[in-house]
PDB file of N, CA and C in Angstrom:
ATOM      1  N   UNK A   1     -20.320 -28.695  -0.537  1.00  0.00           N
ATOM      2  CA  UNK A   1     -19.271 -27.941  -1.309  1.00  0.00           C
ATOM      3  C   UNK A   1     -18.476 -27.147  -0.249  1.00  0.00           C
ATOM      4  N   UNK A   2     -18.146 -27.803   0.813  1.00  0.00           N
ATOM      5  CA  UNK A   2     -17.270 -27.025   1.742  1.00  0.00           C
ATOM      6  C   UNK A   2     -15.743 -27.283   1.469  1.00  0.00           C
ATOM      7  N   UNK A   3     -15.550 -28.186   0.705  1.00  0.00           N
ATOM      8  CA  UNK A   3     -13.977 -28.413   0.266  1.00  0.00           C
ATOM      9  C   UNK A   3     -13.682 -27.717  -1.005  1.00  0.00           C
ATOM     10  N   UNK A   4     -14.509 -27.116  -1.775  1.00  0.00           N
ATOM     11  CA  UNK A   4     -14.182 -26.491  -3.057  1.00  0.00           C
ATOM     12  C   UNK A   4     -13.495 -25.224  -2.701  1.00  0.00           C
ATOM     13  N   UNK A   5     -12.918 -24.522  -3.821  1.00  0.00           N
ATOM     14  CA  UNK A   5     -12.280 -23.345  -3.798  1.00  0.00           C
ATOM     15  C   UNK A   5     -13.284 -22.135  -4.257  1.00  0.00           C
ATOM     16  N   UNK A   6     -14.459 -22.326  -4.123  1.00  0.00           N
ATOM     17  CA  UNK A   6     -15.173 -21.265  -4.515  1.00  0.00           C
ATOM     18  C   UNK A   6     -15.387 -20.055  -3.804  1.00  0.00           C
ATOM     19  N   UNK A   7     -14.793 -20.125  -2.570  1.00  0.00           N
ATOM     20  CA  UNK A   7     -15.012 -19.139  -1.429  1.00  0.00           C
ATOM     21  C   UNK A   7     -13.335 -18.764  -1.134  1.00  0.00           C
ATOM     22  N   UNK A   8     -12.967 -17.632  -1.529  1.00  0.00           N
ATOM     23  CA  UNK A   8     -11.544 -17.261  -1.371  1.00  0.00           C
ATOM     24  C   UNK A   8     -11.434 -16.724   0.029  1.00  0.00           C
ATOM     25  N   UNK A   9     -10.481 -17.293   0.737  1.00  0.00           N
ATOM     26  CA  UNK A   9     -10.443 -16.800   2.205  1.00  0.00           C
ATOM     27  C   UNK A   9      -8.699 -16.605   2.174  1.00  0.00           C
ATOM     28  N   UNK A  10      -8.651 -15.251   2.628  1.00  0.00           N
ATOM     29  CA  UNK A  10      -7.217 -14.589   2.887  1.00  0.00           C
ATOM     30  C   UNK A  10      -6.974 -14.540   4.256  1.00  0.00           C
ATOM     31  N   UNK A  11      -5.673 -15.106   4.644  1.00  0.00           N
ATOM     32  CA  UNK A  11      -5.198 -15.008   5.838  1.00  0.00           C
ATOM     33  C   UNK A  11      -4.433 -13.732   6.095  1.00  0.00           C
ATOM     34  N   UNK A  12      -4.265 -13.184   7.315  1.00  0.00           N
ATOM     35  CA  UNK A  12      -3.775 -11.985   7.557  1.00  0.00           C
ATOM     36  C   UNK A  12      -2.273 -11.979   7.054  1.00  0.00           C
ATOM     37  N   UNK A  13      -1.680 -11.111   6.268  1.00  0.00           N
ATOM     38  CA  UNK A  13      -0.512 -10.989   5.558  1.00  0.00           C
ATOM     39  C   UNK A  13       0.366  -9.938   6.434  1.00  0.00           C
ATOM     40  N   UNK A  14       1.672 -10.041   6.622  1.00  0.00           N
ATOM     41  CA  UNK A  14       2.361  -9.236   7.334  1.00  0.00           C
ATOM     42  C   UNK A  14       2.264  -7.658   6.812  1.00  0.00           C
ATOM     43  N   UNK A  15       1.909  -7.424   5.372  1.00  0.00           N
ATOM     44  CA  UNK A  15       1.905  -6.111   4.966  1.00  0.00           C
ATOM     45  C   UNK A  15       0.673  -5.384   5.591  1.00  0.00           C
ATOM     46  N   UNK A  16      -0.456  -6.419   6.049  1.00  0.00           N
ATOM     47  CA  UNK A  16      -1.662  -5.814   6.626  1.00  0.00           C
ATOM     48  C   UNK A  16      -1.720  -5.986   8.116  1.00  0.00           C
ATOM     49  N   UNK A  17      -0.553  -6.207   8.621  1.00  0.00           N
ATOM     50  CA  UNK A  17      -0.613  -6.202  10.132  1.00  0.00           C
ATOM     51  C   UNK A  17      -0.544  -4.948  10.803  1.00  0.00           C
ATOM     52  N   UNK A  18      -1.114  -4.865  11.935  1.00  0.00           N
ATOM     53  CA  UNK A  18      -1.261  -3.653  12.702  1.00  0.00           C
ATOM     54  C   UNK A  18      -0.046  -2.895  12.852  1.00  0.00           C
ATOM     55  N   UNK A  19       0.028  -1.743  12.796  1.00  0.00           N
ATOM     56  CA  UNK A  19       1.234  -0.951  13.144  1.00  0.00           C
ATOM     57  C   UNK A  19       1.618  -0.980  14.518  1.00  0.00           C
ATOM     58  N   UNK A  20       3.067  -0.892  14.735  1.00  0.00           N
ATOM     59  CA  UNK A  20       3.327  -0.982  16.162  1.00  0.00           C
ATOM     60  C   UNK A  20       2.763   0.092  16.921  1.00  0.00           C
ATOM     61  N   UNK A  21       2.500  -0.166  18.173  1.00  0.00           N
ATOM     62  CA  UNK A  21       1.749   0.775  19.068  1.00  0.00           C
ATOM     63  C   UNK A  21       2.546   1.906  19.230  1.00  0.00           C
ATOM     64  N   UNK A  22       2.030   3.221  19.198  1.00  0.00           N
ATOM     65  CA  UNK A  22       2.964   4.464  19.637  1.00  0.00           C
ATOM     66  C   UNK A  22       2.966   4.830  21.049  1.00  0.00           C
ATOM     67  N   UNK A  23       3.860   5.408  21.503  1.00  0.00           N
ATOM     68  CA  UNK A  23       3.987   6.098  22.753  1.00  0.00           C
ATOM     69  C   UNK A  23       2.751   6.891  23.076  1.00  0.00           C
ATOM     70  N   UNK A  24       2.226   6.688  24.121  1.00  0.00           N
ATOM     71  CA  UNK A  24       1.090   7.571  24.554  1.00  0.00           C
ATOM     72  C   UNK A  24       1.591   9.173  24.727  1.00  0.00           C
ATOM     73  N   UNK A  25       0.784   9.898  24.314  1.00  0.00           N
ATOM     74  CA  UNK A  25       1.037  11.356  24.431  1.00  0.00           C
ATOM     75  C   UNK A  25       0.955  11.780  26.049  1.00  0.00           C
ATOM     76  N   UNK A  26       0.984  13.142  26.062  1.00  0.00           N
ATOM     77  CA  UNK A  26       0.890  13.765  27.293  1.00  0.00           C
ATOM     78  C   UNK A  26      -0.376  13.575  28.019  1.00  0.00           C
ATOM     79  N   UNK A  27      -0.480  12.996  29.346  1.00  0.00           N
ATOM     80  CA  UNK A  27      -1.732  12.770  29.823  1.00  0.00           C
ATOM     81  C   UNK A  27      -1.732  13.091  31.371  1.00  0.00           C
ATOM     82  N   UNK A  28      -2.710  14.099  31.786  1.00  0.00           N
ATOM     83  CA  UNK A  28      -2.765  14.346  33.175  1.00  0.00           C
ATOM     84  C   UNK A  28      -2.908  13.359  34.081  1.00  0.00           C
ATOM     85  N   UNK A  29      -3.541  12.282  33.631  1.00  0.00           N
ATOM     86  CA  UNK A  29      -3.855  10.984  34.489  1.00  0.00           C
ATOM     87  C   UNK A  29      -2.565  10.332  34.883  1.00  0.00           C
ATOM     88  N   UNK A  30      -1.404  10.503  34.069  1.00  0.00           N
ATOM     89  CA  UNK A  30      -0.255   9.553  34.276  1.00  0.00           C
ATOM     90  C   UNK A  30       0.555  10.394  35.329  1.00  0.00           C
ATOM     91  N   UNK A  31       0.223  11.668  35.590  1.00  0.00           N
ATOM     92  CA  UNK A  31       1.208  12.314  36.600  1.00  0.00           C
ATOM     93  C   UNK A  31       1.003  11.923  37.927  1.00  0.00           C
ATOM     94  N   UNK A  32       2.036  12.207  38.768  1.00  0.00           N
ATOM     95  CA  UNK A  32       1.870  12.045  40.043  1.00  0.00           C
ATOM     96  C   UNK A  32       0.868  13.165  40.735  1.00  0.00           C
ATOM     97  N   UNK A  33       0.512  13.023  42.002  1.00  0.00           N
ATOM     98  CA  UNK A  33      -0.322  14.040  42.608  1.00  0.00           C
ATOM     99  C   UNK A  33       0.465  15.286  42.654  1.00  0.00           C
ATOM    100  N   UNK A  34       1.779  15.254  42.964  1.00  0.00           N
ATOM    101  CA  UNK A  34       2.478  16.440  43.244  1.00  0.00           C
ATOM    102  C   UNK A  34       2.732  17.128  41.836  1.00  0.00           C
ATOM    103  N   UNK A  35       2.925  16.549  40.739  1.00  0.00           N
ATOM    104  CA  UNK A  35       2.865  17.142  39.399  1.00  0.00           C
ATOM    105  C   UNK A  35       1.578  17.730  39.132  1.00  0.00           C
ATOM    106  N   UNK A  36       0.555  17.141  39.350  1.00  0.00           N
ATOM    107  CA  UNK A  36      -0.658  17.544  39.027  1.00  0.00           C
ATOM    108  C   UNK A  36      -1.046  18.955  39.877  1.00  0.00           C
ATOM    109  N   UNK A  37      -0.662  18.909  41.132  1.00  0.00           N
ATOM    110  CA  UNK A  37      -0.773  20.130  41.882  1.00  0.00           C
ATOM    111  C   UNK A  37       0.069  21.300  41.407  1.00  0.00           C
ATOM    112  N   UNK A  38       1.275  20.969  40.890  1.00  0.00           N
ATOM    113  CA  UNK A  38       2.314  21.915  40.432  1.00  0.00           C
ATOM    114  C   UNK A  38       1.666  22.536  39.182  1.00  0.00           C
ATOM    115  N   UNK A  39       1.127  21.837  38.216  1.00  0.00           N
ATOM    116  CA  UNK A  39       0.488  22.340  37.216  1.00  0.00           C
ATOM    117  C   UNK A  39      -0.769  23.082  37.464  1.00  0.00           C
ATOM    118  N   UNK A  40      -1.544  22.910  38.442  1.00  0.00           N
ATOM    119  CA  UNK A  40      -2.561  23.575  38.731  1.00  0.00           C
ATOM    120  C   UNK A  40      -2.171  24.912  39.268  1.00  0.00           C
ATOM    121  N   UNK A  41      -1.133  24.819  40.297  1.00  0.00           N
ATOM    122  CA  UNK A  41      -0.554  26.140  40.805  1.00  0.00           C
ATOM    123  C   UNK A  41      -0.026  27.020  39.785  1.00  0.00           C
ATOM    124  N   UNK A  42       0.527  26.454  38.732  1.00  0.00           N
ATOM    125  CA  UNK A  42       1.046  27.355  37.669  1.00  0.00           C
ATOM    126  C   UNK A  42      -0.044  27.913  36.772  1.00  0.00           C
ATOM    127  N   UNK A  43      -1.191  27.147  36.642  1.00  0.00           N
ATOM    128  CA  UNK A  43      -2.319  27.728  35.963  1.00  0.00           C
ATOM    129  C   UNK A  43      -2.844  28.774  36.789  1.00  0.00           C
ATOM    130  N   UNK A  44      -3.217  28.520  38.112  1.00  0.00           N
ATOM    131  CA  UNK A  44      -3.829  29.625  38.934  1.00  0.00           C
ATOM    132  C   UNK A  44      -3.046  30.797  39.014  1.00  0.00           C
ATOM    133  N   UNK A  45      -1.662  30.924  38.993  1.00  0.00           N
ATOM    134  CA  UNK A  45      -0.650  31.876  38.954  1.00  0.00           C
ATOM    135  C   UNK A  45      -1.078  32.801  37.743  1.00  0.00           C
ATOM    136  N   UNK A  46      -0.991  31.868  36.572  1.00  0.00           N
ATOM    137  CA  UNK A  46      -1.168  32.559  35.436  1.00  0.00           C
ATOM    138  C   UNK A  46      -2.538  33.314  35.388  1.00  0.00           C
ATOM    139  N   UNK A  47      -3.594  32.633  35.571  1.00  0.00           N
ATOM    140  CA  UNK A  47      -4.927  33.312  35.645  1.00  0.00           C
ATOM    141  C   UNK A  47      -5.108  34.505  36.372  1.00  0.00           C
ATOM    142  N   UNK A  48      -4.655  34.236  37.824  1.00  0.00           N
ATOM    143  CA  UNK A  48      -4.897  35.416  38.507  1.00  0.00           C
ATOM    144  C   UNK A  48      -3.766  36.551  38.358  1.00  0.00           C
ATOM    145  N   UNK A  49      -2.677  36.294  37.799  1.00  0.00           N
ATOM    146  CA  UNK A  49      -1.756  37.392  37.254  1.00  0.00           C
ATOM    147  C   UNK A  49      -2.384  38.079  36.054  1.00  0.00           C
ATOM    148  N   UNK A  50      -3.118  37.441  35.203  1.00  0.00           N
ATOM    149  CA  UNK A  50      -4.018  38.148  34.029  1.00  0.00           C
ATOM    150  C   UNK A  50      -4.952  38.908  34.494  1.00  0.00           C
ATOM    151  N   UNK A  51      -5.790  38.224  35.674  1.00  0.00           N
ATOM    152  CA  UNK A  51      -6.818  39.207  36.156  1.00  0.00           C
ATOM    153  C   UNK A  51      -6.232  40.655  36.820  1.00  0.00           C
ATOM    154  N   UNK A  52      -5.194  40.355  37.681  1.00  0.00           N
ATOM    155  CA  UNK A  52      -4.476  41.495  38.229  1.00  0.00           C
ATOM    156  C   UNK A  52      -4.109  42.574  37.299  1.00  0.00           C
ATOM    157  N   UNK A  53      -3.716  42.036  36.109  1.00  0.00           N
ATOM    158  CA  UNK A  53      -3.006  42.900  35.127  1.00  0.00           C
ATOM    159  C   UNK A  53      -4.236  43.495  34.465  1.00  0.00           C
ATOM    160  N   UNK A  54      -5.216  42.859  34.229  1.00  0.00           N
ATOM    161  CA  UNK A  54      -6.406  43.495  33.497  1.00  0.00           C
ATOM    162  C   UNK A  54      -7.076  44.362  34.310  1.00  0.00           C
ATOM    163  N   UNK A  55      -7.083  44.323  35.791  1.00  0.00           N
ATOM    164  CA  UNK A  55      -7.800  45.215  36.612  1.00  0.00           C
ATOM    165  C   UNK A  55      -6.802  46.428  36.845  1.00  0.00           C
ATOM    166  N   UNK A  56      -5.550  46.172  36.828  1.00  0.00           N
ATOM    167  CA  UNK A  56      -4.689  47.375  37.119  1.00  0.00           C
ATOM    168  C   UNK A  56      -4.654  48.525  36.116  1.00  0.00           C
TER     169      UNK A  56
END
């Protein structure tokens, strides 16, 4: 019974195709070393600025 139509088989249709891949969002792993160090420096300045402000 392999040739009979008892088993419905559907092929992929265009409306069921995968959506187009989106652009990747922000990722620290994609930044250069200089950019990563810059963001770390900004974070440290903000953190220590907050500590200094809280203790003063």
